[in-house]
Amino acid sequence: MGLIKMKNKVIVLSILLLSTLVVQAQKKEPVLEVDGFVRNYTGVLFNSGDFSIVQNTVDLTLKHKREKVSFSANPFYYQYPGKDDYFDFRELYMDVYSNKLDLRIGKQQIIWGQADGVFVTDIVSPLNLTEFLLWDFNEIRQGVTAVKMKYYPHQDHDLEIVWIPVFTPTILPDENSIWRPSQEFAAPPTFDYSKVKIPSNIENGELFLRYSLSKSVIDLHLIGAYTWDDAQSMHVQKLIDSTMSLTGIIITPSHHRLMMGGGNFSSTIGGFILRGEAAYYYGKYFQTTDPTVNDALVQKNYLNYIVGLDKTIGDWKISSQFIQKIIFEYNDLMTNDKEDNLMTIMVNRTLFREQLRLELFSYIGLNNGDALVRIRGYYFPHDGMSIELGTNIFVGDKGTFGQYNNNDMVYARVKYSF
């Protein structure tokens, strides 16, 4: 039944799009701007030869603009051979403009960070981690239904206020996915999902603030948030019988309030681009093995920051980042490290008048010696067409990336943009 409903949505969307194109063809000026892409994405695991993903995509962007108002929609459709297809809108909003105030209402992606591949202050839009971190980041970020107000008191600075009335959580891989994070329990757990949903009401809304200053020497943003933790906290209840033996485990996933204050900046110094972000989080729940804690969670504050440096030399672009997370009032029974250290390195080069681009991007976990190494090439044989060939190599046997050491793969993405 769900698949039939989804196909009906696609049919309706197709009819609307074709009708719009017919109307456009009959008018001298375009009524609606339409662009997008179609793509095939196929990945194969090294170890088994199994397909890690086979996906056909249609992604459209529709825009209509008048003097003081505009409309934008980004419907997308993922088709999976032999599996349920997926259709949704990544964005669906309207804009209202004035001299000093802009208003955006509806489903939208909001990007507030400076970092590449990591999320420090960029937390307004929750993530879709169905394929871990392997999708393009405009697909990893989910749209949120929000009201965003942007006020321009002067030319070089502004204030943004975002109110999200309905909470949207991070999407995790399903239980049978190769991207499901590994977890070890003393006994097979039973999951209780009764508390995972946040009721939709005024009290449970989320609020984000950002002040931006743009000068010739620096771009600076100060950010504050009263939000929910997009990731689930796993409350663990151990069932003990009369002989003090463990008979079972009940896990209750839930989301908790989280406050954040921080900022980010970027500046050009001597031909280098220096970037930085820092965020202090209040009230994050962390796992612990402390037997005196009933639900295996403790609440702590932590600091997350990043420093990045970029340099372009001719056809070469080089970028490196150092990311650290520090937990305050740490105790040794917590399963997280007190200080978690991560680096990223990116090198790319364009060749043959930008018809070919080669790229290396790597996450390097310094605590566990694990890594994700992505080597890929992009070929642009014709206008609007691109062919991407790449590998995803996981190094190590533990940590964020090492847990997926059996998921090394080669993949291809063929894309036509219009």
Protein backbone atom coordinates (compact mmCIF):
# COMPACT_ATOMS: atom_id res chain seq x y z
CA MET A 1 0.00 0.00 0.00
CA GLY A 2 2.83 2.43 0.87
CA LEU A 3 4.52 1.73 -2.46
CA ILE A 4 1.27 2.38 -4.36
CA LYS A 5 0.80 5.70 -2.58
CA MET A 6 4.39 6.68 -3.34
CA LYS A 7 3.93 5.85 -7.05
CA ASN A 8 0.77 7.95 -7.10
CA LYS A 9 2.77 10.89 -5.74
CA VAL A 10 5.34 10.46 -8.51
CA ILE A 11 2.59 10.33 -11.14
CA VAL A 12 1.00 13.52 -9.78
CA LEU A 13 4.39 15.25 -9.67
CA SER A 14 5.13 14.20 -13.27
CA ILE A 15 1.76 15.51 -14.49
CA LEU A 16 2.32 18.84 -12.71
CA LEU A 17 5.82 19.15 -14.17
CA LEU A 18 4.68 18.35 -17.73
CA SER A 19 1.75 20.76 -17.43
CA THR A 20 4.13 23.48 -16.26
CA LEU A 21 6.49 22.87 -19.17
CA VAL A 22 3.59 23.12 -21.63
CA VAL A 23 2.54 26.44 -20.09
CA GLN A 24 6.12 27.68 -20.33
CA ALA A 25 6.34 26.77 -23.99
CA GLN A 26 3.23 28.87 -24.72
CA LYS A 27 4.56 32.03 -23.06
CA LYS A 28 7.35 34.37 -24.06
CA GLU A 29 8.81 34.50 -20.59
CA PRO A 30 9.30 31.44 -18.36
CA VAL A 31 6.65 30.93 -15.71
CA LEU A 32 8.68 28.41 -13.74
CA GLU A 33 12.42 27.72 -13.67
CA VAL A 34 13.10 23.99 -13.71
CA ASP A 35 16.45 22.27 -13.34
CA GLY A 36 17.75 19.11 -11.72
CA PHE A 37 19.46 15.84 -12.53
CA VAL A 38 18.98 12.15 -13.16
CA ARG A 39 21.59 9.74 -11.83
CA ASN A 40 22.53 6.11 -11.48
CA TYR A 41 24.57 5.21 -8.39
CA THR A 42 25.99 1.69 -8.09
CA GLY A 43 28.41 0.41 -5.45
CA VAL A 44 30.04 -3.03 -5.08
CA LEU A 45 31.70 -4.42 -1.93
CA PHE A 46 35.27 -5.69 -2.38
CA ASN A 47 35.00 -8.67 -0.02
CA SER A 48 31.80 -10.27 -1.25
CA GLY A 49 31.07 -8.73 -4.61
CA ASP A 50 27.60 -7.83 -3.32
CA PHE A 51 25.99 -4.56 -4.31
CA SER A 52 26.16 -2.06 -1.44
CA ILE A 53 23.75 0.18 -3.30
CA VAL A 54 21.90 0.33 -6.62
CA GLN A 55 19.96 3.55 -6.87
CA ASN A 56 18.35 5.54 -9.68
CA THR A 57 17.57 9.15 -8.83
CA VAL A 58 15.46 11.97 -10.18
CA ASP A 59 16.09 15.27 -8.40
CA LEU A 60 14.24 18.43 -9.48
CA THR A 61 14.42 22.08 -8.45
CA LEU A 62 11.44 24.25 -9.32
CA LYS A 63 11.48 28.02 -8.75
CA HIS A 64 9.05 30.83 -9.39
CA LYS A 65 9.76 34.45 -8.46
CA ARG A 66 7.88 37.73 -8.39
CA GLU A 67 9.02 41.11 -7.10
CA LYS A 68 8.41 40.53 -3.39
CA VAL A 69 7.70 36.80 -3.14
CA SER A 70 9.10 33.56 -4.54
CA PHE A 71 8.53 29.84 -4.37
CA SER A 72 10.97 26.91 -4.44
CA ALA A 73 10.51 23.14 -4.39
CA ASN A 74 13.04 20.30 -4.49
CA PRO A 75 11.25 16.96 -4.98
CA PHE A 76 13.41 13.85 -5.31
CA TYR A 77 12.76 10.22 -6.10
CA TYR A 78 15.06 7.29 -5.24
CA GLN A 79 14.31 4.08 -7.16
CA TYR A 80 15.84 0.85 -5.83
CA PRO A 81 15.56 -2.34 -7.93
CA GLY A 82 13.96 -5.07 -5.80
CA LYS A 83 13.29 -2.73 -2.86
CA ASP A 84 10.80 -0.06 -1.89
CA ASP A 85 11.28 3.24 -3.66
CA TYR A 86 11.45 6.56 -1.83
CA PHE A 87 9.86 9.91 -2.72
CA ASP A 88 9.98 13.15 -0.74
CA PHE A 89 10.59 16.89 -0.88
CA ARG A 90 13.98 18.03 0.32
CA GLU A 91 12.74 21.65 0.23
CA LEU A 92 9.32 23.22 -0.24
CA TYR A 93 9.11 26.84 0.84
CA MET A 94 8.11 30.40 -0.01
CA ASP A 95 10.14 33.60 0.44
CA VAL A 96 8.82 37.06 1.25
CA TYR A 97 11.21 39.98 0.70
CA SER A 98 11.42 43.53 2.04
CA ASN A 99 14.18 46.14 2.31
CA LYS A 100 15.59 44.95 5.62
CA LEU A 101 13.75 41.72 6.36
CA ASP A 102 13.41 38.41 4.49
CA LEU A 103 11.07 35.63 5.58
CA ARG A 104 11.26 31.98 4.49
CA ILE A 105 8.39 29.65 5.44
CA GLY A 106 8.27 25.91 4.77
CA LYS A 107 10.56 22.93 4.44
CA GLN A 108 14.17 24.04 3.94
CA GLN A 109 17.81 23.06 4.32
CA ILE A 110 19.75 25.41 6.60
CA ILE A 111 23.57 25.32 6.45
CA TRP A 112 25.40 27.26 9.15
CA GLY A 113 28.88 25.74 9.19
CA GLN A 114 32.35 26.30 7.73
CA ALA A 115 33.71 22.77 8.09
CA ASP A 116 34.02 20.15 5.34
CA GLY A 117 32.46 16.77 6.13
CA VAL A 118 31.84 17.36 9.85
CA PHE A 119 29.07 19.08 11.81
CA VAL A 120 30.08 21.35 14.68
CA THR A 121 27.80 24.41 14.51
CA ASP A 122 25.96 23.14 11.42
CA ILE A 123 23.18 21.42 13.39
CA VAL A 124 19.94 23.05 12.22
CA SER A 125 19.25 20.46 9.52
CA PRO A 126 19.36 16.87 10.86
CA LEU A 127 21.18 14.16 8.91
CA ASN A 128 20.18 11.18 6.81
CA LEU A 129 22.81 8.54 7.67
CA THR A 130 21.21 5.73 5.66
CA GLU A 131 24.46 5.42 3.68
CA PHE A 132 26.74 6.64 6.48
CA LEU A 133 28.67 9.71 5.16
CA LEU A 134 28.92 8.56 1.54
CA TRP A 135 26.16 10.62 -0.07
CA ASP A 136 26.70 14.19 -1.20
CA PHE A 137 26.12 16.48 1.76
CA ASN A 138 23.18 18.24 0.16
CA GLU A 139 21.51 14.79 0.29
CA ILE A 140 22.74 13.91 3.79
CA ARG A 141 21.19 17.08 5.22
CA GLN A 142 17.44 16.79 5.66
CA GLY A 143 15.03 19.63 5.14
CA VAL A 144 13.16 20.90 8.19
CA THR A 145 9.80 22.65 8.32
CA ALA A 146 10.71 26.04 9.75
CA VAL A 147 10.16 29.77 9.77
CA LYS A 148 13.41 31.64 9.09
CA MET A 149 13.66 35.40 9.50
CA LYS A 150 16.71 37.29 8.23
CA TYR A 151 17.09 40.92 9.31
CA TYR A 152 19.57 43.29 7.61
CA PRO A 153 20.12 46.34 9.85
CA HIS A 154 23.28 47.27 7.90
CA GLN A 155 25.00 46.09 4.74
CA ASP A 156 27.80 44.11 6.41
CA HIS A 157 25.91 42.25 9.13
CA ASP A 158 22.60 40.50 9.70
CA LEU A 159 20.60 38.48 12.19
CA GLU A 160 18.84 35.17 11.46
CA ILE A 161 16.18 33.60 13.67
CA VAL A 162 14.91 30.09 12.93
CA TRP A 163 11.93 28.51 14.64
CA ILE A 164 11.24 24.83 13.99
CA PRO A 165 7.79 23.84 15.28
CA VAL A 166 8.06 20.09 14.56
CA PHE A 167 11.13 18.06 15.52
CA THR A 168 12.86 16.03 12.80
CA PRO A 169 15.36 13.37 14.02
CA THR A 170 18.44 11.98 12.34
CA ILE A 171 17.59 9.04 10.07
CA LEU A 172 19.63 5.96 11.03
CA PRO A 173 20.30 2.89 8.88
CA ASP A 174 17.80 0.10 9.38
CA GLU A 175 18.70 -2.96 11.45
CA ASN A 176 19.75 -5.04 8.42
CA SER A 177 21.92 -2.34 6.84
CA ILE A 178 25.69 -2.73 6.52
CA TRP A 179 25.90 0.83 7.88
CA ARG A 180 24.17 0.05 11.18
CA PRO A 181 26.63 1.06 13.95
CA SER A 182 28.01 -1.94 15.81
CA GLN A 183 26.76 -2.46 19.39
CA GLU A 184 27.61 -5.14 21.94
CA PHE A 185 25.24 -6.24 24.69
CA ALA A 186 25.55 -8.87 27.41
CA ALA A 187 22.17 -10.28 26.34
CA PRO A 188 19.90 -9.87 23.30
CA PRO A 189 18.12 -6.52 23.81
CA THR A 190 14.45 -5.69 23.47
CA PHE A 191 13.67 -2.21 22.12
CA ASP A 192 10.93 -0.02 23.55
CA TYR A 193 10.17 2.83 21.10
CA SER A 194 7.37 4.39 23.17
CA LYS A 195 9.43 7.48 24.04
CA VAL A 196 11.27 8.11 20.77
CA LYS A 197 8.67 10.45 19.28
CA ILE A 198 8.59 14.11 20.35
CA PRO A 199 4.99 15.40 20.59
CA SER A 200 4.24 18.20 18.12
CA ASN A 201 3.32 21.27 20.14
CA ILE A 202 4.51 24.82 20.80
CA GLU A 203 6.50 23.82 23.87
CA ASN A 204 8.58 21.29 21.92
CA GLY A 205 9.71 23.67 19.18
CA GLU A 206 13.37 24.46 18.46
CA LEU A 207 14.97 27.91 18.27
CA PHE A 208 18.20 28.92 16.54
CA LEU A 209 19.88 32.34 16.35
CA ARG A 210 22.80 33.48 14.19
CA TYR A 211 24.50 36.85 14.00
CA SER A 212 26.72 37.35 10.93
CA LEU A 213 29.40 39.93 10.25
CA SER A 214 31.04 40.13 6.83
CA LYS A 215 34.14 42.28 6.41
CA SER A 216 36.94 42.23 3.87
CA VAL A 217 39.28 40.53 6.36
CA ILE A 218 36.86 38.09 8.04
CA ASP A 219 33.44 36.44 7.93
CA LEU A 220 32.20 35.85 11.48
CA HIS A 221 29.08 34.07 12.74
CA LEU A 222 27.84 33.75 16.35
CA ILE A 223 25.27 31.00 16.94
CA GLY A 224 22.94 29.95 19.73
CA ALA A 225 20.47 27.06 19.85
CA TYR A 226 17.75 25.66 22.08
CA THR A 227 17.11 22.38 20.36
CA TRP A 228 16.67 18.63 20.66
CA ASP A 229 19.52 16.17 20.25
CA ASP A 230 18.92 14.78 16.74
CA ALA A 231 20.64 11.52 17.73
CA GLN A 232 18.85 9.05 19.97
CA SER A 233 20.06 8.43 23.51
CA MET A 234 19.83 4.74 24.43
CA HIS A 235 18.41 4.23 27.93
CA VAL A 236 19.32 0.70 29.03
CA GLN A 237 17.39 -1.25 31.67
CA LYS A 238 18.92 -4.52 32.88
CA LEU A 239 16.51 -7.26 33.99
CA ILE A 240 17.88 -9.23 36.96
CA ASP A 241 16.25 -12.36 38.42
CA SER A 242 16.25 -13.54 42.07
CA THR A 243 19.67 -15.17 41.64
CA MET A 244 21.10 -11.84 40.45
CA SER A 245 21.54 -13.24 36.92
CA LEU A 246 21.00 -11.04 33.89
CA THR A 247 17.87 -12.23 32.09
CA GLY A 248 17.40 -9.49 29.53
CA ILE A 249 17.97 -5.90 28.46
CA ILE A 250 15.37 -3.31 27.52
CA ILE A 251 16.62 -0.37 25.44
CA THR A 252 14.46 2.76 25.26
CA PRO A 253 15.67 5.25 22.62
CA SER A 254 14.69 8.85 23.29
CA HIS A 255 15.67 12.40 22.39
CA HIS A 256 16.66 15.03 24.95
CA ARG A 257 16.86 18.79 25.04
CA LEU A 258 20.23 20.26 24.12
CA MET A 259 21.54 23.83 24.25
CA MET A 260 24.48 25.11 22.22
CA GLY A 261 26.46 28.32 21.99
CA GLY A 262 29.27 28.89 19.54
CA GLY A 263 30.39 30.41 16.29
CA ASN A 264 32.53 30.08 13.19
CA PHE A 265 34.75 32.24 11.03
CA SER A 266 36.78 32.27 7.83
CA SER A 267 39.57 34.64 6.79
CA THR A 268 42.20 34.91 4.07
CA ILE A 269 45.77 35.23 5.35
CA GLY A 270 48.77 35.24 3.03
CA GLY A 271 47.01 33.27 0.29
CA PHE A 272 45.62 30.71 2.76
CA ILE A 273 42.01 30.44 3.87
CA LEU A 274 41.79 29.93 7.63
CA ARG A 275 38.51 28.46 8.91
CA GLY A 276 37.33 27.70 12.40
CA GLU A 277 34.27 26.59 14.35
CA ALA A 278 33.60 26.05 18.03
CA ALA A 279 30.47 24.97 19.90
CA TYR A 280 29.82 24.38 23.59
CA TYR A 281 27.00 21.89 24.17
CA TYR A 282 24.98 21.79 27.40
CA GLY A 283 23.27 18.61 28.58
CA LYS A 284 24.44 15.88 26.19
CA TYR A 285 23.78 12.28 27.31
CA PHE A 286 26.71 9.83 27.04
CA GLN A 287 26.88 6.07 27.51
CA THR A 288 28.60 4.67 30.60
CA THR A 289 29.42 1.29 32.10
CA ASP A 290 28.95 2.61 35.65
CA PRO A 291 26.91 -0.08 37.52
CA THR A 292 25.46 2.59 39.83
CA VAL A 293 23.73 4.30 36.88
CA ASN A 294 20.34 2.72 36.21
CA ASP A 295 19.94 3.58 32.54
CA ALA A 296 23.64 3.59 31.51
CA LEU A 297 23.56 7.30 30.63
CA VAL A 298 25.22 10.32 32.21
CA GLN A 299 24.65 13.97 31.32
CA LYS A 300 27.73 16.05 30.53
CA ASN A 301 28.72 19.25 28.74
CA TYR A 302 31.27 19.16 25.96
CA LEU A 303 33.24 21.40 23.61
CA ASN A 304 33.58 20.63 19.90
CA TYR A 305 35.88 22.72 17.71
CA ILE A 306 37.63 22.65 14.36
CA VAL A 307 40.50 24.51 12.72
CA GLY A 308 40.95 24.25 8.96
CA LEU A 309 43.42 25.58 6.41
CA ASP A 310 42.88 25.72 2.63
CA LYS A 311 45.29 26.61 -0.18
CA THR A 312 44.85 26.78 -3.96
CA ILE A 313 47.95 26.48 -6.13
CA GLY A 314 47.16 26.60 -9.84
CA ASP A 315 44.97 23.59 -10.57
CA TRP A 316 45.59 22.10 -7.13
CA LYS A 317 43.42 22.61 -4.06
CA ILE A 318 44.65 21.38 -0.67
CA SER A 319 42.65 21.42 2.55
CA SER A 320 43.22 20.04 6.04
CA GLN A 321 41.17 20.14 9.25
CA PHE A 322 41.73 19.21 12.88
CA ILE A 323 38.61 18.45 14.93
CA GLN A 324 38.50 17.82 18.67
CA LYS A 325 35.70 17.00 21.11
CA ILE A 326 36.37 17.48 24.85
CA ILE A 327 33.96 16.13 27.51
CA PHE A 328 33.94 18.04 30.79
CA GLU A 329 33.67 16.40 34.24
CA TYR A 330 34.69 13.14 32.60
CA ASN A 331 34.82 9.82 34.41
CA ASP A 332 36.69 6.70 33.34
CA LEU A 333 33.55 4.54 33.09
CA MET A 334 32.21 6.50 30.14
CA THR A 335 32.41 4.67 26.81
CA ASN A 336 33.48 7.82 24.93
CA ASP A 337 37.04 9.10 25.15
CA LYS A 338 37.53 12.29 27.16
CA GLU A 339 39.16 13.85 24.12
CA ASP A 340 38.23 12.62 20.65
CA ASN A 341 40.61 13.75 17.91
CA LEU A 342 39.91 13.66 14.18
CA MET A 343 41.63 15.00 11.08
CA THR A 344 40.51 15.41 7.48
CA ILE A 345 42.70 15.84 4.42
CA MET A 346 41.51 16.79 0.95
CA VAL A 347 43.57 17.16 -2.23
CA ASN A 348 42.08 17.66 -5.67
CA ARG A 349 43.33 18.70 -9.08
CA THR A 350 41.61 19.61 -12.33
CA LEU A 351 43.07 18.51 -15.67
CA PHE A 352 42.41 18.97 -19.37
CA ARG A 353 40.73 22.36 -19.03
CA GLU A 354 38.57 21.14 -16.12
CA GLN A 355 37.23 18.18 -18.07
CA LEU A 356 38.76 15.83 -15.47
CA ARG A 357 39.00 16.23 -11.68
CA LEU A 358 40.86 13.87 -9.35
CA GLU A 359 40.26 13.96 -5.60
CA LEU A 360 41.46 12.38 -2.37
CA PHE A 361 39.45 12.97 0.79
CA SER A 362 40.17 11.18 4.05
CA TYR A 363 38.83 11.16 7.60
CA ILE A 364 41.54 10.06 10.05
CA GLY A 365 40.54 9.04 13.59
CA LEU A 366 43.57 9.79 15.77
CA ASN A 367 42.30 8.01 18.89
CA ASN A 368 41.67 4.59 17.32
CA GLY A 369 43.94 4.71 14.28
CA ASP A 370 40.98 4.27 11.94
CA ALA A 371 40.17 6.11 8.73
CA LEU A 372 37.91 6.46 5.72
CA VAL A 373 39.87 7.06 2.52
CA ARG A 374 37.88 8.24 -0.50
CA ILE A 375 39.66 8.31 -3.88
CA ARG A 376 37.54 9.42 -6.79
CA GLY A 377 37.67 10.92 -10.24
CA TYR A 378 35.13 13.02 -12.13
CA TYR A 379 34.98 13.07 -15.93
CA PHE A 380 32.82 15.57 -17.81
CA PRO A 381 32.59 14.23 -21.38
CA HIS A 382 29.64 16.39 -22.48
CA ASP A 383 27.78 19.46 -21.36
CA GLY A 384 25.56 18.46 -18.41
CA MET A 385 27.01 14.95 -18.08
CA SER A 386 29.43 13.66 -15.43
CA ILE A 387 30.88 10.24 -14.66
CA GLU A 388 32.26 9.64 -11.17
CA LEU A 389 34.36 6.59 -10.30
CA GLY A 390 35.61 6.09 -6.77
CA THR A 391 36.56 3.87 -3.88
CA ASN A 392 35.67 4.01 -0.18
CA ILE A 393 38.34 2.29 1.93
CA PHE A 394 37.84 1.79 5.68
CA VAL A 395 40.97 1.38 7.80
CA GLY A 396 41.20 -0.09 11.30
CA ASP A 397 39.04 -2.48 13.31
CA LYS A 398 37.28 -0.12 15.76
CA GLY A 399 36.15 3.46 16.04
CA THR A 400 33.75 5.47 13.87
CA PHE A 401 35.34 4.24 10.61
CA GLY A 402 37.10 1.04 11.64
CA GLN A 403 33.77 -0.63 12.56
CA TYR A 404 33.01 -0.70 8.81
CA ASN A 405 36.26 -2.36 7.75
CA ASN A 406 34.31 -5.01 5.81
CA ASN A 407 32.53 -2.35 3.74
CA ASP A 408 35.37 -1.38 1.38
CA MET A 409 33.83 -0.72 -2.02
CA VAL A 410 34.15 0.64 -5.52
CA TYR A 411 31.33 2.69 -6.97
CA ALA A 412 30.21 4.61 -10.05
CA ARG A 413 27.81 7.50 -10.42
CA VAL A 414 26.62 8.59 -13.85
CA LYS A 415 24.74 11.88 -13.79
CA TYR A 416 22.98 14.12 -16.27
CA SER A 417 22.16 17.65 -15.10
CA PHE A 418 19.71 19.96 -16.83
